[in-house]
Structure formats: C-alpha cells, structure tokens
C-alpha atoms as a PDB file:
ATOM      1  CA  MET A   1      -4.874   0.512 -13.733  1.00  0.00           C
ATOM      2  CA  LYS A   2      -4.568  -2.482 -11.417  1.00  0.00           C
ATOM      3  CA  LEU A   3      -4.538  -2.731  -7.616  1.00  0.00           C
ATOM      4  CA  PHE A   4      -2.629  -5.045  -5.336  1.00  0.00           C
ATOM      5  CA  GLY A   5      -2.427  -4.875  -1.557  1.00  0.00           C
ATOM      6  CA  ILE A   6       0.489  -5.393   0.797  1.00  0.00           C
ATOM      7  CA  ALA A   7      -0.673  -6.237   4.322  1.00  0.00           C
ATOM      8  CA  GLY A   8       0.959  -7.122   7.611  1.00  0.00           C
ATOM      9  CA  TYR A   9       1.597  -5.874  11.093  1.00  0.00           C
ATOM     10  CA  SER A  10       3.846  -2.918  11.827  1.00  0.00           C
ATOM     11  CA  GLY A  11       7.495  -3.922  11.670  1.00  0.00           C
ATOM     12  CA  SER A  12       6.912  -6.928   9.412  1.00  0.00           C
ATOM     13  CA  GLY A  13       8.707  -5.403   6.419  1.00  0.00           C
ATOM     14  CA  LYS A  14       5.895  -4.148   4.175  1.00  0.00           C
ATOM     15  CA  THR A  15       7.721  -0.966   3.230  1.00  0.00           C
ATOM     16  CA  SER A  16      10.990  -2.824   2.575  1.00  0.00           C
ATOM     17  CA  LEU A  17       9.191  -5.332   0.362  1.00  0.00           C
ATOM     18  CA  ILE A  18       7.662  -2.513  -1.684  1.00  0.00           C
ATOM     19  CA  GLU A  19      10.998  -0.693  -1.814  1.00  0.00           C
ATOM     20  CA  ASN A  20      12.750  -3.840  -3.123  1.00  0.00           C
ATOM     21  CA  THR A  21      10.005  -4.697  -5.621  1.00  0.00           C
ATOM     22  CA  LEU A  22       9.372  -1.246  -7.123  1.00  0.00           C
ATOM     23  CA  PRO A  23      12.628  -0.997  -9.129  1.00  0.00           C
ATOM     24  CA  LEU A  24      11.896  -4.382 -10.726  1.00  0.00           C
ATOM     25  CA  LEU A  25       8.406  -3.299 -11.746  1.00  0.00           C
ATOM     26  CA  THR A  26       9.468   0.102 -13.076  1.00  0.00           C
ATOM     27  CA  ALA A  27      12.465  -1.395 -14.937  1.00  0.00           C
ATOM     28  CA  HIS A  28       9.907  -3.021 -17.248  1.00  0.00           C
ATOM     29  CA  GLY A  29       8.428   0.369 -18.098  1.00  0.00           C
ATOM     30  CA  LEU A  30       5.504   0.138 -15.705  1.00  0.00           C
ATOM     31  CA  ARG A  31       4.186   3.242 -14.011  1.00  0.00           C
ATOM     32  CA  VAL A  32       3.622   2.228 -10.399  1.00  0.00           C
ATOM     33  CA  SER A  33       2.039   4.341  -7.681  1.00  0.00           C
ATOM     34  CA  VAL A  34       1.858   3.541  -3.977  1.00  0.00           C
ATOM     35  CA  LEU A  35      -0.976   4.318  -1.575  1.00  0.00           C
ATOM     36  CA  LYS A  36       0.187   4.079   2.043  1.00  0.00           C
ATOM     37  CA  HIS A  37      -2.520   4.082   4.686  1.00  0.00           C
ATOM     38  CA  THR A  38      -1.792   4.843   8.304  1.00  0.00           C
ATOM     39  CA  HIS A  39      -3.899   4.799  11.432  1.00  0.00           C
ATOM     40  CA  HIS A  40      -1.605   7.335  13.061  1.00  0.00           C
ATOM     41  CA  ASP A  41      -2.081  11.069  12.896  1.00  0.00           C
ATOM     42  CA  PHE A  42       0.664  12.427  10.674  1.00  0.00           C
ATOM     43  CA  ASP A  43       1.779  15.707   9.224  1.00  0.00           C
ATOM     44  CA  ILE A  44       4.361  16.177   6.500  1.00  0.00           C
ATOM     45  CA  ASP A  45       4.288  19.912   7.011  1.00  0.00           C
ATOM     46  CA  ARG A  46       6.291  21.745   9.669  1.00  0.00           C
ATOM     47  CA  PRO A  47       5.081  24.312  12.191  1.00  0.00           C
ATOM     48  CA  GLY A  48       6.142  27.807  11.219  1.00  0.00           C
ATOM     49  CA  LYS A  49       6.280  27.135   7.464  1.00  0.00           C
ATOM     50  CA  ASP A  50       3.929  29.179   5.281  1.00  0.00           C
ATOM     51  CA  SER A  51       1.907  26.152   4.155  1.00  0.00           C
ATOM     52  CA  TYR A  52       1.460  24.989   7.753  1.00  0.00           C
ATOM     53  CA  ARG A  53       0.299  28.456   8.738  1.00  0.00           C
ATOM     54  CA  HIS A  54      -2.204  28.493   5.850  1.00  0.00           C
ATOM     55  CA  ARG A  55      -3.705  25.191   6.983  1.00  0.00           C
ATOM     56  CA  GLN A  56      -3.832  26.296  10.603  1.00  0.00           C
ATOM     57  CA  ALA A  57      -5.620  29.459   9.490  1.00  0.00           C
ATOM     58  CA  GLY A  58      -8.362  27.314   7.909  1.00  0.00           C
ATOM     59  CA  ALA A  59      -7.380  26.544   4.315  1.00  0.00           C
ATOM     60  CA  HIS A  60      -9.308  23.568   2.937  1.00  0.00           C
ATOM     61  CA  GLU A  61      -6.379  22.524   0.728  1.00  0.00           C
ATOM     62  CA  VAL A  62      -2.799  23.707   0.358  1.00  0.00           C
ATOM     63  CA  LEU A  63      -0.702  22.682  -2.622  1.00  0.00           C
ATOM     64  CA  LEU A  64       3.060  22.883  -2.199  1.00  0.00           C
ATOM     65  CA  ALA A  65       4.738  23.076  -5.588  1.00  0.00           C
ATOM     66  CA  GLY A  66       8.392  22.907  -6.573  1.00  0.00           C
ATOM     67  CA  SER A  67      10.460  22.012  -9.601  1.00  0.00           C
ATOM     68  CA  ALA A  68      11.032  18.421  -8.403  1.00  0.00           C
ATOM     69  CA  ARG A  69       7.663  17.474  -6.838  1.00  0.00           C
ATOM     70  CA  TRP A  70       4.376  18.726  -5.509  1.00  0.00           C
ATOM     71  CA  VAL A  71       2.050  17.639  -2.755  1.00  0.00           C
ATOM     72  CA  LEU A  72      -1.557  18.468  -1.984  1.00  0.00           C
ATOM     73  CA  LEU A  73      -2.462  18.728   1.688  1.00  0.00           C
ATOM     74  CA  LYS A  74      -6.184  18.371   2.327  1.00  0.00           C
ATOM     75  CA  GLU A  75      -7.664  18.912   5.751  1.00  0.00           C
ATOM     76  CA  LEU A  76     -10.593  16.595   6.494  1.00  0.00           C
ATOM     77  CA  ARG A  77     -11.777  18.754   9.401  1.00  0.00           C
ATOM     78  CA  ALA A  78     -14.137  16.078  10.803  1.00  0.00           C
ATOM     79  CA  ALA A  79     -15.289  14.920   7.347  1.00  0.00           C
ATOM     80  CA  PRO A  80     -15.222  11.142   6.870  1.00  0.00           C
ATOM     81  CA  GLU A  81     -12.022   9.626   5.568  1.00  0.00           C
ATOM     82  CA  PRO A  82     -12.196   8.916   1.818  1.00  0.00           C
ATOM     83  CA  THR A  83     -12.621   5.347   0.647  1.00  0.00           C
ATOM     84  CA  LEU A  84      -9.909   3.374  -1.100  1.00  0.00           C
ATOM     85  CA  SER A  85     -11.521   4.034  -4.490  1.00  0.00           C
ATOM     86  CA  GLU A  86     -11.735   7.777  -3.743  1.00  0.00           C
ATOM     87  CA  TYR A  87      -8.041   7.867  -2.898  1.00  0.00           C
ATOM     88  CA  VAL A  88      -7.103   5.857  -5.993  1.00  0.00           C
ATOM     89  CA  ALA A  89      -9.174   8.213  -8.175  1.00  0.00           C
ATOM     90  CA  ARG A  90      -6.727  11.010  -7.244  1.00  0.00           C
ATOM     91  CA  PHE A  91      -3.795   9.217  -8.893  1.00  0.00           C
ATOM     92  CA  ALA A  92      -2.639  10.089 -12.383  1.00  0.00           C
ATOM     93  CA  PRO A  93      -3.061   7.178 -14.795  1.00  0.00           C
ATOM     94  CA  CYS A  94      -0.640   4.363 -14.064  1.00  0.00           C
ATOM     95  CA  ASP A  95      -0.317   0.627 -14.595  1.00  0.00           C
ATOM     96  CA  LEU A  96      -0.347  -0.525 -10.988  1.00  0.00           C
ATOM     97  CA  VAL A  97      -1.204   0.871  -7.565  1.00  0.00           C
ATOM     98  CA  LEU A  98       0.385  -0.936  -4.634  1.00  0.00           C
ATOM     99  CA  VAL A  99      -1.803  -0.426  -1.572  1.00  0.00           C
ATOM    100  CA  GLU A 100      -0.049  -0.651   1.788  1.00  0.00           C
ATOM    101  CA  GLY A 101      -2.633  -0.919   4.521  1.00  0.00           C
ATOM    102  CA  PHE A 102      -6.406  -0.994   3.926  1.00  0.00           C
ATOM    103  CA  LYS A 103      -6.412  -4.555   5.321  1.00  0.00           C
ATOM    104  CA  LYS A 104     -10.207  -4.848   5.153  1.00  0.00           C
ATOM    105  CA  GLU A 105     -10.523  -3.985   1.438  1.00  0.00           C
ATOM    106  CA  ALA A 106     -11.619  -6.670  -1.020  1.00  0.00           C
ATOM    107  CA  ILE A 107      -8.507  -6.578  -3.185  1.00  0.00           C
ATOM    108  CA  PRO A 108      -5.888  -9.302  -3.594  1.00  0.00           C
ATOM    109  CA  LYS A 109      -3.214  -8.930  -0.930  1.00  0.00           C
ATOM    110  CA  LEU A 110       0.189 -10.282  -0.115  1.00  0.00           C
ATOM    111  CA  GLU A 111       0.811 -10.596   3.604  1.00  0.00           C
ATOM    112  CA  VAL A 112       4.310  -9.898   4.874  1.00  0.00           C
ATOM    113  CA  HIS A 113       4.693 -12.132   7.917  1.00  0.00           C
ATOM    114  CA  ARG A 114       7.765 -12.594  10.071  1.00  0.00           C
ATOM    115  CA  PRO A 115       7.284 -14.858  13.106  1.00  0.00           C
ATOM    116  CA  VAL A 116       9.999 -12.908  14.972  1.00  0.00           C
ATOM    117  CA  THR A 117       7.513 -10.006  15.369  1.00  0.00           C
ATOM    118  CA  GLY A 118       5.390 -12.205  17.637  1.00  0.00           C
ATOM    119  CA  GLN A 119       2.225 -11.328  15.693  1.00  0.00           C
ATOM    120  CA  PRO A 120      -0.146 -13.995  14.397  1.00  0.00           C
ATOM    121  CA  PRO A 121      -0.564 -14.390  10.644  1.00  0.00           C
ATOM    122  CA  LEU A 122      -3.466 -12.592   8.949  1.00  0.00           C
ATOM    123  CA  TRP A 123      -4.000 -15.121   6.153  1.00  0.00           C
ATOM    124  CA  PRO A 124      -6.112 -17.650   8.095  1.00  0.00           C
ATOM    125  CA  ASP A 125      -8.870 -15.058   8.626  1.00  0.00           C
ATOM    126  CA  ASP A 126      -8.567 -12.996   5.417  1.00  0.00           C
ATOM    127  CA  ALA A 127      -9.747 -14.656   2.207  1.00  0.00           C
ATOM    128  CA  GLN A 128      -8.285 -11.743   0.199  1.00  0.00           C
ATOM    129  CA  ILE A 129      -4.731 -12.757   1.117  1.00  0.00           C
ATOM    130  CA  VAL A 130      -3.507 -14.707  -1.908  1.00  0.00           C
ATOM    131  CA  ALA A 131       0.154 -14.937  -0.898  1.00  0.00           C
ATOM    132  CA  VAL A 132       2.404 -14.706   2.126  1.00  0.00           C
ATOM    133  CA  ALA A 133       5.980 -13.421   1.927  1.00  0.00           C
ATOM    134  CA  SER A 134       7.970 -14.691   4.872  1.00  0.00           C
ATOM    135  CA  ASP A 135      11.424 -15.579   6.090  1.00  0.00           C
ATOM    136  CA  SER A 136      10.155 -18.851   7.580  1.00  0.00           C
ATOM    137  CA  PRO A 137       8.910 -22.071   5.949  1.00  0.00           C
ATOM    138  CA  PRO A 138       5.178 -22.391   5.256  1.00  0.00           C
ATOM    139  CA  PRO A 139       3.023 -23.997   7.921  1.00  0.00           C
ATOM    140  CA  GLY A 140       1.437 -27.367   7.259  1.00  0.00           C
ATOM    141  CA  ASN A 141      -2.072 -25.921   7.403  1.00  0.00           C
ATOM    142  CA  LEU A 142      -1.678 -23.335   4.610  1.00  0.00           C
ATOM    143  CA  ARG A 143      -5.032 -22.592   2.968  1.00  0.00           C
ATOM    144  CA  ALA A 144      -5.380 -23.834  -0.627  1.00  0.00           C
ATOM    145  CA  GLY A 145      -4.663 -21.095  -3.147  1.00  0.00           C
ATOM    146  CA  VAL A 146      -2.293 -19.145  -0.892  1.00  0.00           C
ATOM    147  CA  ALA A 147       1.234 -18.927  -2.287  1.00  0.00           C
ATOM    148  CA  TRP A 148       4.195 -18.949   0.114  1.00  0.00           C
ATOM    149  CA  LEU A 149       7.037 -16.706  -1.104  1.00  0.00           C
ATOM    150  CA  ASP A 150      10.509 -15.930   0.192  1.00  0.00           C
ATOM    151  CA  VAL A 151      10.334 -12.347   1.470  1.00  0.00           C
ATOM    152  CA  ASN A 152      13.876 -11.781   0.146  1.00  0.00           C
ATOM    153  CA  ASP A 153      13.089 -12.944  -3.420  1.00  0.00           C
ATOM    154  CA  ALA A 154      11.961  -9.641  -4.936  1.00  0.00           C
ATOM    155  CA  PRO A 155      11.912 -10.877  -8.574  1.00  0.00           C
ATOM    156  CA  THR A 156       9.480 -13.699  -7.730  1.00  0.00           C
ATOM    157  CA  ILE A 157       7.333 -11.350  -5.647  1.00  0.00           C
ATOM    158  CA  ALA A 158       7.222  -8.791  -8.496  1.00  0.00           C
ATOM    159  CA  ARG A 159       6.133 -11.472 -10.979  1.00  0.00           C
ATOM    160  CA  TYR A 160       3.495 -12.722  -8.544  1.00  0.00           C
ATOM    161  CA  ILE A 161       2.060  -9.230  -8.007  1.00  0.00           C
ATOM    162  CA  LEU A 162       1.808  -8.617 -11.744  1.00  0.00           C
ATOM    163  CA  ALA A 163       0.031 -11.938 -12.261  1.00  0.00           C
ATOM    164  CA  ARG A 164      -2.509 -11.371  -9.450  1.00  0.00           C
ATOM    165  CA  ALA A 165      -3.204  -7.617  -9.491  1.00  0.00           C
ATOM    166  CA  MET A 166      -6.891  -6.740  -9.814  1.00  0.00           C
ATOM    167  CA  PRO A 167      -8.156  -4.336 -12.476  1.00  0.00           C
ATOM    168  CA  LEU A 168      -9.430  -1.151 -10.837  1.00  0.00           C
ATOM    169  CA  ALA A 169     -12.926  -1.544 -12.326  1.00  0.00           C
ATOM    170  CA  MET A 170     -13.330  -4.875 -10.517  1.00  0.00           C
ATOM    171  CA  ALA A 171     -12.193  -3.359  -7.214  1.00  0.00           C
ATOM    172  CA  ILE A 172     -14.787  -0.586  -7.441  1.00  0.00           C
ATOM    173  CA  ASP A 173     -17.730  -2.736  -8.612  1.00  0.00           C
END
C-alpha cells in the first residue's frame, strides 16, 4: 500500500483532481482508496433515521449495511482524533491511498493551486510538496525538486502520483 497526499485550499480543485485521476489509476487494475479529511463537523446520517437515533442514544459505533455499500459511523465522544496511520489501518488492502487534507503529515503531496482563489501557495513553506498542479505558469522562484503540472492533464498527474507515492511502512516509521 502506498500513500500520496493532495493538498490545497478549499475551492482549489482537490476533489476534481482526484475525481479526474481515479479512473486512470483504476483502469490499470489498481485498487485505490481515498481518505478525505475535513476540519468541519459533518454527519452523513440524517435525524430521524434509525442509525442516527442509535448514535444519539449513545452507541459507540453504528454500521449501516446494504447490498451496494456499507459505512461504519464511529462517535469519538471527546476522544482524540485518530492519526493518519490509524485511519489508513482501517482500509482494506489496496495499492494506493490518496489522502486529501492532512496538510501537516510527512507524506509526499501534490498541491492544487489556482491563483484565482486569492490564496497563497503552500509549496514554499512545505517541504513535503513535491508537485504543484495549477492552471497558471510556474513562478520563477520554484523550489528545486518541485514539479509543475497542468491541473487539467490528468494522465500526467496520474503517472506522477504513481512514481512518487510513498510506501505505507515509510510513512508510519
């Protein structure tokens, strides 16, 4: 299993980049999982549904199961958030885990940067960023070793991710 991060500010196109790259990776027979981190409180369950009611009543975990998919809802209830490696350990075996978010983790990352968002780039201050996917030309002061990729060139981005993904054992050590 290998890890590769996708970083960038909200609205930069991280999800679209993953969405455009995934079919190219899976077309080659790779099993790819995605870990999406958010700083926002979220709930995929709906008030009034049985599973929601079970959680509200105090269940530690609720597993919703159906013929097409299943999901495990785990309430942290003031426990610390799991680490990246603890989250990844929950995945079934796969070839690659794309990690969206977890900007501070020491894994190779591709930054999605679009100047139109008005946000500064992350790459100058993050040595783990090994590539930038953008819709603008690279700046003259690009750090050595950082690749500049066209955000709309999914085949090149897929090849780059496969070449730079970090084996899980190295990420945990």
